[in-house]
Amino acid sequence: MAADPTVRAQSAALELVERAARRGEWDPAVHAPDAIFAMVTGGVMHRLWFEQQPLTPSWIDVVVDVLAIGLAPRARGV
């Protein structure tokens, strides 16, 4: 039997956040982890429930890449 979509969504979202943090792509002191988690969870739930598509490694990579761009350190005053 397949795992509950909510459990799969939470697991996938946690994986995305942890991968980005391990790669040094965001600073939890600057960008609150709960806000990032909410954004990732929303994307995962949309993928599973509305699109009814699987969470593939390539989809996860795209989400992490997009978050990394948004969370990347920026020069002050730019």
N, C-alpha and C. Protein backbone atom coordinates (compact mmCIF):
# COMPACT_ATOMS: atom_id res chain seq x y z
N MET A 1 0.85 -1.18 0.00
CA MET A 1 0.00 0.00 0.00
C MET A 1 0.89 1.24 0.00
N ALA A 2 0.54 2.25 -0.77
CA ALA A 2 1.31 3.50 -0.87
C ALA A 2 1.15 4.30 0.42
N ALA A 3 2.19 5.05 0.73
CA ALA A 3 2.17 5.90 1.93
C ALA A 3 1.14 7.01 1.75
N ASP A 4 0.62 7.47 2.85
CA ASP A 4 -0.32 8.59 2.88
C ASP A 4 0.33 9.79 2.19
N PRO A 5 -0.38 10.49 1.28
CA PRO A 5 0.20 11.64 0.60
C PRO A 5 0.74 12.71 1.54
N THR A 6 0.10 12.89 2.70
CA THR A 6 0.57 13.89 3.65
C THR A 6 1.92 13.48 4.21
N VAL A 7 2.08 12.21 4.53
CA VAL A 7 3.35 11.71 5.05
C VAL A 7 4.43 11.84 3.98
N ARG A 8 4.10 11.49 2.74
CA ARG A 8 5.07 11.62 1.65
C ARG A 8 5.45 13.08 1.45
N ALA A 9 4.47 13.98 1.53
CA ALA A 9 4.73 15.41 1.33
C ALA A 9 5.65 15.93 2.43
N GLN A 10 5.39 15.57 3.67
CA GLN A 10 6.23 16.03 4.77
C GLN A 10 7.65 15.51 4.64
N SER A 11 7.78 14.25 4.26
CA SER A 11 9.09 13.64 4.12
C SER A 11 9.88 14.30 2.99
N ALA A 12 9.22 14.52 1.86
CA ALA A 12 9.89 15.15 0.72
C ALA A 12 10.28 16.59 1.04
N ALA A 13 9.41 17.31 1.71
CA ALA A 13 9.70 18.70 2.06
C ALA A 13 10.89 18.77 3.02
N LEU A 14 10.92 17.90 3.99
CA LEU A 14 12.04 17.87 4.93
C LEU A 14 13.34 17.57 4.20
N GLU A 15 13.29 16.64 3.27
CA GLU A 15 14.48 16.30 2.49
C GLU A 15 14.99 17.51 1.70
N LEU A 16 14.08 18.26 1.10
CA LEU A 16 14.47 19.44 0.32
C LEU A 16 15.17 20.47 1.20
N VAL A 17 14.60 20.75 2.34
CA VAL A 17 15.17 21.75 3.25
C VAL A 17 16.53 21.29 3.76
N GLU A 18 16.63 20.03 4.14
CA GLU A 18 17.89 19.52 4.66
C GLU A 18 18.99 19.52 3.60
N ARG A 19 18.65 19.17 2.37
CA ARG A 19 19.64 19.17 1.29
C ARG A 19 20.17 20.58 1.05
N ALA A 20 19.29 21.54 1.01
CA ALA A 20 19.71 22.93 0.79
C ALA A 20 20.60 23.41 1.93
N ALA A 21 20.25 23.06 3.14
CA ALA A 21 21.05 23.48 4.29
C ALA A 21 22.43 22.83 4.26
N ARG A 22 22.49 21.55 3.94
CA ARG A 22 23.78 20.85 3.88
C ARG A 22 24.71 21.45 2.83
N ARG A 23 24.11 21.93 1.74
CA ARG A 23 24.93 22.53 0.68
C ARG A 23 25.27 23.98 0.98
N GLY A 24 24.83 24.48 2.12
CA GLY A 24 25.16 25.85 2.50
C GLY A 24 24.44 26.90 1.69
N GLU A 25 23.28 26.57 1.18
CA GLU A 25 22.55 27.48 0.29
C GLU A 25 21.59 28.40 1.02
N TRP A 26 21.48 28.27 2.32
CA TRP A 26 20.65 29.20 3.08
C TRP A 26 21.12 29.25 4.52
N ASP A 27 20.86 30.38 5.13
CA ASP A 27 21.24 30.61 6.52
C ASP A 27 19.97 30.67 7.35
N PRO A 28 19.74 29.70 8.23
CA PRO A 28 18.52 29.70 9.03
C PRO A 28 18.32 30.97 9.86
N ALA A 29 19.40 31.69 10.16
CA ALA A 29 19.27 32.93 10.92
C ALA A 29 18.69 34.06 10.06
N VAL A 30 18.83 33.95 8.75
CA VAL A 30 18.34 34.98 7.83
C VAL A 30 16.96 34.62 7.28
N HIS A 31 16.80 33.36 6.91
CA HIS A 31 15.54 32.87 6.34
C HIS A 31 15.00 31.79 7.26
N ALA A 32 13.90 32.07 7.92
CA ALA A 32 13.32 31.16 8.90
C ALA A 32 13.01 29.79 8.30
N PRO A 33 13.50 28.73 8.93
CA PRO A 33 13.24 27.38 8.43
C PRO A 33 11.75 27.06 8.28
N ASP A 34 10.91 27.58 9.20
CA ASP A 34 9.47 27.27 9.09
C ASP A 34 8.86 27.90 7.84
N ALA A 35 9.34 29.06 7.43
CA ALA A 35 8.84 29.69 6.20
C ALA A 35 9.27 28.89 4.98
N ILE A 36 10.51 28.45 4.97
CA ILE A 36 10.99 27.64 3.85
C ILE A 36 10.23 26.33 3.81
N PHE A 37 10.04 25.72 4.98
CA PHE A 37 9.30 24.46 5.04
C PHE A 37 7.88 24.64 4.49
N ALA A 38 7.23 25.75 4.83
CA ALA A 38 5.87 26.01 4.34
C ALA A 38 5.86 26.15 2.82
N MET A 39 6.86 26.83 2.26
CA MET A 39 6.92 26.97 0.79
C MET A 39 7.13 25.63 0.11
N VAL A 40 8.04 24.84 0.66
CA VAL A 40 8.32 23.53 0.08
C VAL A 40 7.11 22.62 0.21
N THR A 41 6.51 22.61 1.39
CA THR A 41 5.34 21.77 1.62
C THR A 41 4.21 22.13 0.66
N GLY A 42 4.01 23.42 0.45
CA GLY A 42 2.98 23.86 -0.50
C GLY A 42 3.25 23.33 -1.90
N GLY A 43 4.50 23.39 -2.33
CA GLY A 43 4.86 22.87 -3.65
C GLY A 43 4.67 21.37 -3.75
N VAL A 44 5.06 20.67 -2.70
CA VAL A 44 4.93 19.22 -2.70
C VAL A 44 3.45 18.82 -2.70
N MET A 45 2.66 19.47 -1.88
CA MET A 45 1.23 19.14 -1.84
C MET A 45 0.56 19.45 -3.18
N HIS A 46 0.95 20.56 -3.78
CA HIS A 46 0.39 20.90 -5.10
C HIS A 46 0.74 19.82 -6.11
N ARG A 47 2.00 19.39 -6.09
CA ARG A 47 2.45 18.35 -7.01
C ARG A 47 1.66 17.06 -6.82
N LEU A 48 1.49 16.65 -5.56
CA LEU A 48 0.80 15.38 -5.29
C LEU A 48 -0.70 15.45 -5.49
N TRP A 49 -1.32 16.49 -4.95
CA TRP A 49 -2.78 16.51 -4.93
C TRP A 49 -3.41 17.15 -6.15
N PHE A 50 -2.88 18.27 -6.60
CA PHE A 50 -3.51 18.95 -7.73
C PHE A 50 -3.01 18.43 -9.08
N GLU A 51 -1.71 18.25 -9.20
CA GLU A 51 -1.16 17.73 -10.45
C GLU A 51 -1.25 16.21 -10.50
N GLN A 52 -1.34 15.58 -9.34
CA GLN A 52 -1.36 14.13 -9.21
C GLN A 52 -0.18 13.49 -9.93
N GLN A 53 0.99 14.07 -9.66
CA GLN A 53 2.25 13.59 -10.23
C GLN A 53 3.16 13.12 -9.10
N PRO A 54 4.06 12.21 -9.40
CA PRO A 54 4.98 11.72 -8.37
C PRO A 54 6.07 12.74 -8.05
N LEU A 55 6.66 12.56 -6.89
CA LEU A 55 7.81 13.38 -6.49
C LEU A 55 9.06 12.68 -7.00
N THR A 56 9.50 13.09 -8.17
CA THR A 56 10.66 12.45 -8.80
C THR A 56 11.94 13.17 -8.37
N PRO A 57 13.06 12.48 -8.46
CA PRO A 57 14.33 13.15 -8.13
C PRO A 57 14.56 14.40 -8.98
N SER A 58 14.19 14.38 -10.23
CA SER A 58 14.40 15.56 -11.08
C SER A 58 13.51 16.72 -10.63
N TRP A 59 12.28 16.44 -10.20
CA TRP A 59 11.39 17.51 -9.71
C TRP A 59 11.96 18.09 -8.42
N ILE A 60 12.43 17.23 -7.53
CA ILE A 60 13.01 17.69 -6.27
C ILE A 60 14.24 18.56 -6.55
N ASP A 61 15.06 18.16 -7.51
CA ASP A 61 16.24 18.96 -7.86
C ASP A 61 15.85 20.36 -8.33
N VAL A 62 14.81 20.46 -9.15
CA VAL A 62 14.36 21.77 -9.64
C VAL A 62 13.88 22.63 -8.47
N VAL A 63 13.10 22.07 -7.58
CA VAL A 63 12.60 22.83 -6.43
C VAL A 63 13.76 23.33 -5.57
N VAL A 64 14.72 22.46 -5.30
CA VAL A 64 15.87 22.86 -4.50
C VAL A 64 16.66 23.96 -5.21
N ASP A 65 16.86 23.82 -6.52
CA ASP A 65 17.59 24.84 -7.27
C ASP A 65 16.90 26.19 -7.22
N VAL A 66 15.58 26.21 -7.38
CA VAL A 66 14.83 27.46 -7.34
C VAL A 66 14.91 28.09 -5.95
N LEU A 67 14.76 27.29 -4.93
CA LEU A 67 14.89 27.81 -3.57
C LEU A 67 16.29 28.35 -3.32
N ALA A 68 17.30 27.64 -3.83
CA ALA A 68 18.68 28.08 -3.63
C ALA A 68 18.91 29.45 -4.24
N ILE A 69 18.34 29.70 -5.39
CA ILE A 69 18.48 31.01 -6.03
C ILE A 69 17.84 32.08 -5.16
N GLY A 70 16.66 31.80 -4.66
CA GLY A 70 15.95 32.76 -3.83
C GLY A 70 16.59 32.98 -2.47
N LEU A 71 17.29 31.98 -1.97
CA LEU A 71 17.89 32.06 -0.64
C LEU A 71 19.36 32.42 -0.66
N ALA A 72 19.92 32.54 -1.85
CA ALA A 72 21.36 32.81 -1.97
C ALA A 72 21.71 34.14 -1.31
N PRO A 73 22.85 34.16 -0.66
CA PRO A 73 23.29 35.42 -0.06
C PRO A 73 23.43 36.51 -1.11
N ARG A 74 23.03 37.71 -0.77
CA ARG A 74 23.11 38.83 -1.70
C ARG A 74 23.96 39.92 -1.08
N ALA A 75 24.60 40.67 -1.94
CA ALA A 75 25.38 41.81 -1.45
C ALA A 75 24.43 42.86 -0.92
N ARG A 76 24.80 43.49 0.16
CA ARG A 76 23.98 44.56 0.74
C ARG A 76 23.92 45.73 -0.22
N GLY A 77 22.74 46.34 -0.30
CA GLY A 77 22.57 47.52 -1.14
C GLY A 77 22.33 47.22 -2.60
N VAL A 78 22.16 45.94 -2.94
CA VAL A 78 21.92 45.59 -4.35
C VAL A 78 20.46 45.34 -4.55
